[in-house]
Amino acid sequence: MSRLENKVAFITGGSRGMGAAIALKLAEDGADIAITYTSAASKADDTVKAIEKLGRRAIAIKADNLDPTAVENAVNEAHAKLGHIDILVNNAGVYTMDTVDELELAEFDRVMSIHVRASFVASKAAAAHMGVGGRIISIGSNLAEIVPSAGLLAYSTSKAALIGLTKALARDLGPREITANIVHPGSTDTDMNPANGDHAEGQRARMAIPKFGEAKDIAGLVAFLAGEEGRFITGSSFVIDGGANI
């Protein structure tokens, strides 16, 4: 039997990049998959088809993390169509760079809503459907712990807030044996932060292993936490950044 046989995973922002890699890895491990997307409908469809080729069920639901009702409805729709929800991955995110003198309140609120409020909404909705052994895994950032350059105020603040959310969820849901953990990727080769981008060389210079990670590296860690091996790990942060933060 596959590691995640008979499990259902719900991944926000699962149409491309890290989210798609996580969805495919969990499907390879035996889970059926629901993903959300905001605008990349064709990429979401490609991810669904790739999962179905693995012999797993998959659905894509349009839901913008800025809309809490849409996020909650997407979780409930996935539960209704796939029968249960065992794993939640709060992955959807945005990147912004503004210093404190440039940052507008509306942009600060947007980033916090996408990263923090939506993760709370999805976690609350998913936990209502989870039984013993459920998993909640949020995708943070190594920039939650170290801020190596100016302009990261909204991004770093929102990712740091996810640490507190994760610890509180772990405490609240522990009696039900539902775990909550956070994964902090560093420089990872995606559309959001390509390995050949303008700022890539400076990022590599800070790393013990001076190369960008791949989305599959993050997916592997998420899969470990989602599996049976992660049953006694909760409230914990895992940095996967090639040693940029040491």
Protein backbone atom coordinates (compact mmCIF):
# COMPACT_ATOMS: atom_id res chain seq x y z
CA MET A 1 0.00 0.00 0.00
CA SER A 2 1.25 3.50 -0.83
CA ARG A 3 2.19 5.78 2.07
CA LEU A 4 -0.87 8.01 1.63
CA GLU A 5 -3.32 5.45 0.28
CA ASN A 6 -6.95 6.44 1.00
CA LYS A 7 -5.91 9.98 2.01
CA VAL A 8 -7.18 13.22 0.50
CA ALA A 9 -4.96 16.30 0.34
CA PHE A 10 -6.12 19.86 -0.24
CA ILE A 11 -3.44 22.26 -1.52
CA THR A 12 -4.02 25.98 -1.97
CA GLY A 13 -2.25 27.49 -4.96
CA GLY A 14 -1.58 24.07 -6.46
CA SER A 15 -1.62 24.90 -10.15
CA ARG A 16 2.10 25.58 -10.63
CA GLY A 17 5.49 25.88 -8.99
CA MET A 18 5.85 24.59 -5.47
CA GLY A 19 2.14 23.88 -5.10
CA ALA A 20 1.99 21.71 -8.21
CA ALA A 21 5.13 19.82 -7.13
CA ILE A 22 3.57 19.16 -3.71
CA ALA A 23 0.31 18.01 -5.30
CA LEU A 24 2.13 15.59 -7.61
CA LYS A 25 4.34 14.20 -4.84
CA LEU A 26 1.39 13.55 -2.53
CA ALA A 27 -0.43 11.90 -5.44
CA GLU A 28 2.63 9.73 -6.14
CA ASP A 29 2.45 8.68 -2.51
CA GLY A 30 -1.17 7.59 -2.97
CA ALA A 31 -3.34 10.57 -2.03
CA ASP A 32 -6.27 11.97 -3.97
CA ILE A 33 -5.83 15.69 -4.53
CA ALA A 34 -7.81 18.94 -4.55
CA ILE A 35 -6.01 22.12 -5.57
CA THR A 36 -7.06 25.73 -5.75
CA TYR A 37 -6.01 28.29 -8.32
CA THR A 38 -6.72 31.96 -8.91
CA SER A 39 -6.13 32.67 -12.60
CA ALA A 40 -3.97 29.90 -14.10
CA ALA A 41 -6.83 27.64 -15.15
CA SER A 42 -4.86 25.90 -17.89
CA LYS A 43 -1.98 25.11 -15.54
CA ALA A 44 -4.44 23.84 -12.93
CA ASP A 45 -5.94 21.57 -15.58
CA ASP A 46 -2.46 20.31 -16.49
CA THR A 47 -1.78 19.47 -12.85
CA VAL A 48 -5.09 17.63 -12.54
CA LYS A 49 -4.35 15.59 -15.67
CA ALA A 50 -0.86 14.72 -14.42
CA ILE A 51 -2.32 13.49 -11.13
CA GLU A 52 -4.99 11.45 -12.91
CA LYS A 53 -2.27 9.77 -14.98
CA LEU A 54 -0.90 8.51 -11.67
CA GLY A 55 -4.23 6.80 -11.04
CA ARG A 56 -5.42 9.25 -8.40
CA ARG A 57 -8.54 11.40 -8.30
CA ALA A 58 -7.98 15.14 -8.67
CA ILE A 59 -10.05 18.31 -8.85
CA ALA A 60 -9.16 21.98 -9.30
CA ILE A 61 -11.28 24.69 -7.70
CA LYS A 62 -11.02 28.38 -8.50
CA ALA A 63 -10.61 30.22 -5.19
CA ASP A 64 -8.70 33.41 -4.53
CA ASN A 65 -7.01 33.50 -1.11
CA LEU A 66 -8.12 37.12 -0.85
CA ASP A 67 -11.73 35.89 -0.58
CA PRO A 68 -12.24 34.01 2.71
CA THR A 69 -15.66 32.75 1.64
CA ALA A 70 -14.20 31.28 -1.54
CA VAL A 71 -11.46 29.53 0.44
CA GLU A 72 -13.93 28.04 2.92
CA ASN A 73 -16.28 26.98 0.13
CA ALA A 74 -13.40 25.34 -1.75
CA VAL A 75 -12.49 23.22 1.28
CA ASN A 76 -16.09 22.15 1.71
CA GLU A 77 -16.44 21.40 -2.01
CA ALA A 78 -13.35 19.21 -1.93
CA HIS A 79 -14.73 17.35 1.06
CA ALA A 80 -18.07 16.82 -0.67
CA LYS A 81 -16.50 15.58 -3.94
CA LEU A 82 -13.62 13.51 -2.57
CA GLY A 83 -15.27 12.22 0.61
CA HIS A 84 -12.89 13.50 3.28
CA ILE A 85 -9.88 15.75 3.90
CA ASP A 86 -6.85 14.36 5.70
CA ILE A 87 -4.06 16.76 4.67
CA LEU A 88 -4.13 20.52 4.19
CA VAL A 89 -1.21 22.38 2.64
CA ASN A 90 -1.45 26.16 2.94
CA ASN A 91 0.74 27.03 -0.03
CA ALA A 92 -0.78 29.91 -2.01
CA GLY A 93 1.30 33.04 -1.74
CA VAL A 94 2.57 36.25 -3.24
CA TYR A 95 5.87 38.11 -3.07
CA THR A 96 6.20 41.84 -2.59
CA MET A 97 9.12 44.20 -1.98
CA ASP A 98 8.44 47.59 -0.40
CA THR A 99 10.30 49.35 2.39
CA VAL A 100 8.35 50.83 5.29
CA ASP A 101 8.33 54.29 3.71
CA GLU A 102 6.96 52.90 0.44
CA LEU A 103 4.56 50.24 1.68
CA GLU A 104 0.88 51.16 1.44
CA LEU A 105 -1.56 49.86 4.02
CA ALA A 106 -3.65 48.23 1.29
CA GLU A 107 -0.67 46.21 0.08
CA PHE A 108 0.26 45.19 3.64
CA ASP A 109 -3.33 44.04 4.20
CA ARG A 110 -3.33 42.14 0.88
CA VAL A 111 -0.21 40.16 1.74
CA MET A 112 -1.39 39.41 5.27
CA SER A 113 -4.79 38.31 3.96
CA ILE A 114 -3.35 35.95 1.36
CA HIS A 115 -0.76 34.37 3.65
CA VAL A 116 -2.26 34.52 7.14
CA ARG A 117 -6.01 35.06 7.05
CA ALA A 118 -6.55 32.53 4.26
CA SER A 119 -4.40 29.96 6.09
CA PHE A 120 -6.55 30.42 9.19
CA VAL A 121 -9.76 30.08 7.16
CA ALA A 122 -8.56 26.97 5.32
CA SER A 123 -7.22 25.40 8.51
CA LYS A 124 -10.45 25.98 10.41
CA ALA A 125 -12.55 24.60 7.56
CA ALA A 126 -10.31 21.59 6.95
CA ALA A 127 -9.96 20.74 10.64
CA ALA A 128 -13.73 20.49 10.88
CA HIS A 129 -13.55 17.58 8.42
CA MET A 130 -10.40 15.88 9.74
CA GLY A 131 -10.29 12.81 11.91
CA VAL A 132 -7.46 11.47 14.04
CA GLY A 133 -4.16 11.74 12.21
CA GLY A 134 -4.96 14.83 10.15
CA ARG A 135 -2.13 17.03 8.93
CA ILE A 136 -1.93 20.79 8.44
CA ILE A 137 1.25 22.00 6.75
CA SER A 138 1.86 25.65 5.93
CA ILE A 139 4.49 26.95 3.53
CA GLY A 140 6.37 29.77 5.21
CA SER A 141 9.75 31.17 4.21
CA ASN A 142 13.27 31.36 5.58
CA LEU A 143 12.66 35.13 5.38
CA ALA A 144 10.38 34.73 8.40
CA GLU A 145 13.46 34.29 10.57
CA ILE A 146 16.16 36.35 8.85
CA VAL A 147 15.59 39.52 6.80
CA PRO A 148 18.77 39.95 4.73
CA SER A 149 17.73 43.01 2.72
CA ALA A 150 15.35 45.96 2.76
CA GLY A 151 11.87 45.77 1.30
CA LEU A 152 10.65 42.59 2.93
CA LEU A 153 8.41 44.12 5.59
CA ALA A 154 5.05 42.74 4.46
CA TYR A 155 6.39 39.42 3.24
CA SER A 156 8.54 38.61 6.26
CA THR A 157 5.87 39.79 8.70
CA SER A 158 3.23 37.57 7.12
CA LYS A 159 5.46 34.50 7.03
CA ALA A 160 6.53 35.07 10.64
CA ALA A 161 2.87 35.27 11.62
CA LEU A 162 2.36 31.80 10.16
CA ILE A 163 4.76 30.43 12.77
CA GLY A 164 2.45 31.63 15.55
CA LEU A 165 -0.59 30.30 13.70
CA THR A 166 1.09 26.91 13.33
CA LYS A 167 2.02 26.63 17.01
CA ALA A 168 -1.49 27.63 18.10
CA LEU A 169 -3.10 25.13 15.72
CA ALA A 170 -0.79 22.42 17.04
CA ARG A 171 -1.89 23.17 20.59
CA ASP A 172 -5.60 23.42 19.75
CA LEU A 173 -5.72 20.30 17.58
CA GLY A 174 -3.22 18.11 19.42
CA PRO A 175 -5.90 16.37 21.54
CA ARG A 176 -7.38 15.12 18.24
CA GLU A 177 -3.93 13.94 17.07
CA ILE A 178 -4.00 16.44 14.21
CA THR A 179 -0.54 17.87 13.61
CA ALA A 180 0.37 21.35 12.40
CA ASN A 181 3.81 22.23 11.08
CA ILE A 182 5.43 24.85 8.87
CA VAL A 183 8.02 24.44 6.13
CA HIS A 184 10.32 27.39 5.40
CA PRO A 185 11.75 27.21 1.87
CA GLY A 186 14.67 29.37 0.88
CA SER A 187 15.70 30.20 -2.67
CA THR A 188 13.77 27.73 -4.82
CA ASP A 189 13.67 27.79 -8.61
CA THR A 190 10.08 28.78 -9.45
CA ASP A 191 8.33 31.42 -11.56
CA MET A 192 8.25 33.65 -8.49
CA ASN A 193 12.01 33.42 -7.89
CA PRO A 194 13.85 31.90 -10.88
CA ALA A 195 17.39 30.62 -10.48
CA ASN A 196 18.48 32.89 -13.34
CA GLY A 197 16.69 35.98 -12.00
CA ASP A 198 18.17 39.40 -11.36
CA HIS A 199 18.67 38.77 -7.63
CA ALA A 200 19.67 35.11 -7.84
CA GLU A 201 23.44 35.53 -7.51
CA GLY A 202 23.11 37.50 -4.30
CA GLN A 203 20.90 34.76 -2.86
CA ARG A 204 23.38 32.04 -3.77
CA ALA A 205 26.18 33.99 -2.11
CA ARG A 206 24.44 33.62 1.27
CA MET A 207 23.97 29.85 1.01
CA ALA A 208 26.16 27.05 2.35
CA ILE A 209 25.10 25.03 -0.69
CA PRO A 210 25.31 27.80 -3.32
CA LYS A 211 22.53 26.76 -5.65
CA PHE A 212 18.76 27.13 -5.77
CA GLY A 213 16.59 24.32 -4.51
CA GLU A 214 13.96 22.65 -6.66
CA ALA A 215 10.25 22.51 -6.00
CA LYS A 216 10.54 18.73 -5.58
CA ASP A 217 12.85 19.29 -2.60
CA ILE A 218 10.09 21.18 -0.79
CA ALA A 219 7.51 18.61 -1.87
CA GLY A 220 9.58 15.79 -0.37
CA LEU A 221 9.68 17.44 3.04
CA VAL A 222 5.93 18.13 2.93
CA ALA A 223 5.29 14.50 2.02
CA PHE A 224 7.37 13.34 4.98
CA LEU A 225 5.33 15.48 7.37
CA ALA A 226 2.10 14.31 5.73
CA GLY A 227 2.99 10.66 6.11
CA GLU A 228 3.01 8.24 9.02
CA GLU A 229 6.56 9.29 9.92
CA GLY A 230 5.24 12.73 10.85
CA ARG A 231 2.61 11.55 13.30
CA PHE A 232 4.46 12.81 16.41
CA ILE A 233 5.85 16.04 14.93
CA THR A 234 3.75 19.11 15.60
CA GLY A 235 4.16 22.83 16.19
CA SER A 236 7.55 22.69 14.48
CA SER A 237 9.33 24.76 11.83
CA PHE A 238 11.52 23.19 9.16
CA VAL A 239 13.95 25.37 7.21
CA ILE A 240 14.97 24.02 3.79
CA ASP A 241 17.19 26.69 2.24
CA GLY A 242 20.60 25.26 1.45
CA GLY A 243 22.02 26.76 4.62
CA ALA A 244 21.20 30.39 3.86
CA ASN A 245 20.12 31.01 7.46
CA ILE A 246 23.08 29.48 9.28
